[in-house]
Protein backbone atom coordinates (compact mmCIF):
# COMPACT_ATOMS: atom_id res chain seq x y z
CA MET A 1 33.25 -44.69 -20.71
CA LYS A 2 30.48 -42.25 -21.65
CA ARG A 3 30.38 -40.98 -18.08
CA ASN A 4 33.99 -39.80 -18.29
CA VAL A 5 33.36 -37.85 -21.51
CA LEU A 6 30.53 -35.74 -20.10
CA PRO A 7 32.56 -34.02 -17.33
CA VAL A 8 35.38 -33.28 -19.80
CA PHE A 9 32.88 -31.83 -22.25
CA ILE A 10 31.36 -29.60 -19.54
CA LEU A 11 34.82 -28.37 -18.49
CA LEU A 12 35.69 -27.50 -22.09
CA LEU A 13 32.39 -25.72 -22.51
CA LEU A 14 32.94 -23.66 -19.35
CA ALA A 15 36.52 -22.85 -20.30
CA THR A 16 35.41 -21.37 -23.63
CA SER A 17 32.34 -19.59 -22.24
CA PRO A 18 32.06 -15.91 -21.28
CA PHE A 19 32.52 -17.01 -17.65
CA SER A 20 36.23 -17.48 -18.32
CA LEU A 21 36.52 -13.81 -19.29
CA ALA A 22 35.27 -12.63 -15.89
CA GLU A 23 37.61 -11.25 -13.25
CA LYS A 24 38.83 -13.59 -10.52
CA VAL A 25 36.74 -13.55 -7.37
CA TYR A 26 37.86 -14.99 -4.05
CA LYS A 27 35.74 -16.13 -1.12
CA HIS A 28 37.10 -16.14 2.41
CA VAL A 29 35.37 -17.30 5.62
CA ASP A 30 37.01 -16.06 8.83
CA GLU A 31 37.01 -17.81 12.22
CA ASP A 32 33.74 -16.05 13.20
CA GLY A 33 31.96 -17.32 10.08
CA ASN A 34 31.92 -13.94 8.29
CA VAL A 35 32.11 -14.34 4.51
CA THR A 36 34.18 -11.91 2.45
CA TYR A 37 34.28 -11.70 -1.37
CA SER A 38 37.16 -9.90 -3.05
CA ASP A 39 39.06 -9.63 -6.33
CA GLU A 40 42.30 -10.29 -4.40
CA PRO A 41 42.75 -13.16 -1.94
CA PRO A 42 42.62 -11.62 1.57
CA THR A 43 44.41 -14.66 3.05
CA LYS A 44 46.18 -17.77 1.81
CA ASN A 45 43.16 -19.98 2.56
CA ALA A 46 40.77 -17.91 0.38
CA LYS A 47 39.24 -19.91 -2.44
CA GLN A 48 38.72 -18.70 -5.97
CA ILE A 49 35.09 -19.03 -7.08
CA GLN A 50 33.28 -18.76 -10.39
CA VAL A 51 30.68 -16.01 -10.51
CA PRO A 52 27.84 -16.69 -12.96
CA SER A 53 27.09 -14.04 -15.54
CA ILE A 54 24.28 -11.60 -14.95
CA ASN A 55 21.16 -12.26 -16.95
CA THR A 56 20.17 -8.99 -18.59
CA VAL A 57 17.39 -8.11 -20.96
CA PRO A 58 17.48 -4.88 -22.93
CA ALA A 59 14.72 -2.38 -22.17
CA ILE A 60 11.86 -2.09 -24.61
CA GLU A 61 11.28 1.19 -26.38
CA ILE A 62 8.00 2.98 -25.70
CA PRO A 63 6.65 5.01 -28.62
CA GLU A 64 6.02 8.70 -27.90
CA ALA A 65 2.27 8.27 -28.44
CA ALA A 66 2.14 5.70 -25.60
CA GLU A 67 4.00 8.09 -23.27
CA ALA A 68 1.41 10.78 -24.00
CA GLU A 69 -1.40 8.33 -23.16
CA VAL A 70 0.23 7.53 -19.81
CA ALA A 71 0.47 11.24 -19.00
CA GLU A 72 -3.21 11.67 -19.87
CA GLU A 73 -4.18 8.76 -17.61
CA GLU A 74 -2.39 10.37 -14.66
CA GLU A 75 -4.47 13.54 -15.02
CA THR A 76 -7.84 11.81 -15.12
CA ASP A 77 -10.99 13.82 -14.73
CA PRO A 78 -13.06 12.53 -11.77
CA ALA A 79 -16.11 12.28 -14.03
CA ALA A 80 -14.21 9.89 -16.36
CA ILE A 81 -13.51 7.30 -13.63
CA THR A 82 -15.90 4.38 -13.26
CA PRO A 83 -18.05 5.22 -10.22
CA TYR A 84 -17.27 3.44 -6.99
CA ASN A 85 -20.93 3.38 -5.88
CA LEU A 86 -19.80 4.38 -2.38
CA ARG A 87 -22.35 3.78 0.38
CA ILE A 88 -22.53 3.64 4.16
CA ALA A 89 -23.44 0.11 5.28
CA SER A 90 -23.41 0.90 8.99
CA PRO A 91 -24.80 2.66 10.94
CA LYS A 92 -28.22 2.87 9.33
CA ASP A 93 -29.99 6.18 8.76
CA GLU A 94 -31.73 7.58 11.89
CA TYR A 95 -29.51 5.48 14.19
CA GLN A 96 -29.67 6.50 17.86
CA VAL A 97 -26.37 6.38 19.75
CA GLY A 98 -27.13 5.50 23.36
CA PRO A 99 -25.41 6.94 26.43
CA ALA A 100 -23.26 3.84 26.96
CA GLU A 101 -21.85 3.77 23.41
CA GLN A 102 -18.33 5.19 23.25
CA ILE A 103 -17.53 4.35 19.61
CA ILE A 104 -19.58 4.33 16.42
CA SER A 105 -18.14 2.10 13.70
CA VAL A 106 -18.85 3.43 10.22
CA LEU A 107 -18.53 0.77 7.52
CA LEU A 108 -18.17 1.95 3.92
CA LEU A 109 -18.77 -0.26 0.88
CA THR A 110 -17.86 0.16 -2.81
CA ASP A 111 -18.38 -1.87 -5.97
CA LYS A 112 -14.67 -1.84 -6.83
CA ASN A 113 -11.30 -1.54 -5.09
CA LEU A 114 -9.85 1.90 -4.47
CA GLU A 115 -7.32 3.15 -6.99
CA ASP A 116 -3.79 3.60 -5.59
CA ARG A 117 -4.07 7.35 -5.02
CA HIS A 118 -7.64 7.32 -3.63
CA PHE A 119 -8.73 7.33 0.02
CA PHE A 120 -11.89 7.15 2.15
CA GLN A 121 -12.85 10.41 3.90
CA LEU A 122 -15.55 10.71 6.57
CA LEU A 123 -17.43 13.95 7.21
CA ILE A 124 -19.61 14.85 10.18
CA ASP A 125 -21.93 17.79 9.53
CA GLY A 126 -19.82 18.62 6.46
CA GLU A 127 -16.55 18.80 8.45
CA VAL A 128 -13.72 16.34 7.79
CA TYR A 129 -13.41 13.77 10.57
CA GLU A 130 -9.80 12.58 10.92
CA GLN A 131 -7.33 11.99 8.12
CA ALA A 132 -8.36 10.21 4.91
CA SER A 133 -7.36 6.54 4.91
CA LYS A 134 -7.42 3.32 2.88
CA SER A 135 -9.55 1.63 5.54
CA ASN A 136 -13.25 1.29 4.82
CA SER A 137 -14.00 0.94 8.54
CA ILE A 138 -13.76 4.19 10.48
CA ASN A 139 -14.41 4.50 14.21
CA ILE A 140 -15.91 7.70 15.59
CA ASN A 141 -15.08 8.37 19.22
CA VAL A 142 -18.35 9.63 20.67
CA ARG A 143 -17.67 12.77 22.68
CA ARG A 144 -20.12 15.00 24.46
CA SER A 145 -19.53 17.62 21.75
CA LEU A 146 -21.23 15.28 19.26
CA GLN A 147 -24.46 15.28 21.25
CA GLY A 148 -27.59 15.84 19.19
CA ARG A 149 -28.50 15.15 15.57
CA ARG A 150 -25.50 14.73 13.24
CA LEU A 151 -25.23 14.13 9.50
CA ILE A 152 -22.58 11.66 8.38
CA THR A 153 -21.35 11.50 4.80
CA ALA A 154 -18.37 9.77 3.24
CA ALA A 155 -16.33 10.50 0.16
CA ILE A 156 -13.55 9.02 -1.92
CA VAL A 157 -10.83 11.61 -2.38
CA ASP A 158 -7.28 11.81 -3.72
CA GLU A 159 -4.24 13.36 -2.03
CA ASN A 160 -5.17 16.77 -3.50
CA GLY A 161 -8.68 16.68 -2.03
CA THR A 162 -10.43 16.01 -5.35
CA THR A 163 -13.68 14.13 -4.67
CA TYR A 164 -14.46 11.08 -6.83
CA ASP A 165 -17.61 9.78 -5.13
CA THR A 166 -19.80 10.70 -2.15
CA THR A 167 -22.58 9.07 -0.17
CA PRO A 168 -25.94 10.58 0.58
CA PRO A 169 -25.95 11.79 4.19
CA ILE A 170 -27.29 9.61 6.98
CA SER A 171 -28.59 11.02 10.23
CA ILE A 172 -27.60 9.82 13.68
CA GLN A 173 -28.85 11.01 17.04
CA VAL A 174 -26.20 11.08 19.78
CA VAL A 175 -27.84 10.92 23.21
CA ARG A 176 -25.80 11.81 26.27
CA PRO A 177 -27.15 12.27 29.79
CA PRO A 178 -27.19 15.89 30.92
CA ILE A 179 -24.42 17.08 33.17
CA ARG A 180 -25.89 18.10 36.50
CA PRO A 181 -23.86 20.15 38.87
CA ARG A 182 -23.14 18.43 42.16
CA THR A 183 -25.01 19.82 45.06
CA ASN A 184 -23.40 19.91 48.45
CA PRO A 185 -25.55 18.39 51.22
């Protein structure tokens, strides 16, 4: 007997709930399996369904002082940020790039993760090498134009080019065989 009372109680509860105030919604599945929802039945075999209410939570109010603090955080002075302790792990200083090497992999290490708007930037002889990226592993394609002694440094920069940390330079020596003109026999 108790089992029969529970379904009746649930039906009464649903009938008096805010769900009953909602508009009618119909669901129709066509012969291709496409489902259509509408406030009017598109065909005679459309079924009326109950749509649950949307769970909403009102927004919290942020005091004006907190908004000012957020604005200040966005315009942070590079000196105020905890240092990354950026360093070049590979290659080592005074590394010699042999004639057969086509790529030098530069591995950068830090003590903390990059902030969202910060990027790694590699410089060769003070000139930016490729676009700044989130990757701490940068490959240098060794071209003949790099032959000789080169200084490699790395920096952490933002999208405006502001520098937040730099490495001391390391020196590499790129060795390429000389180009000899062909002689005709």
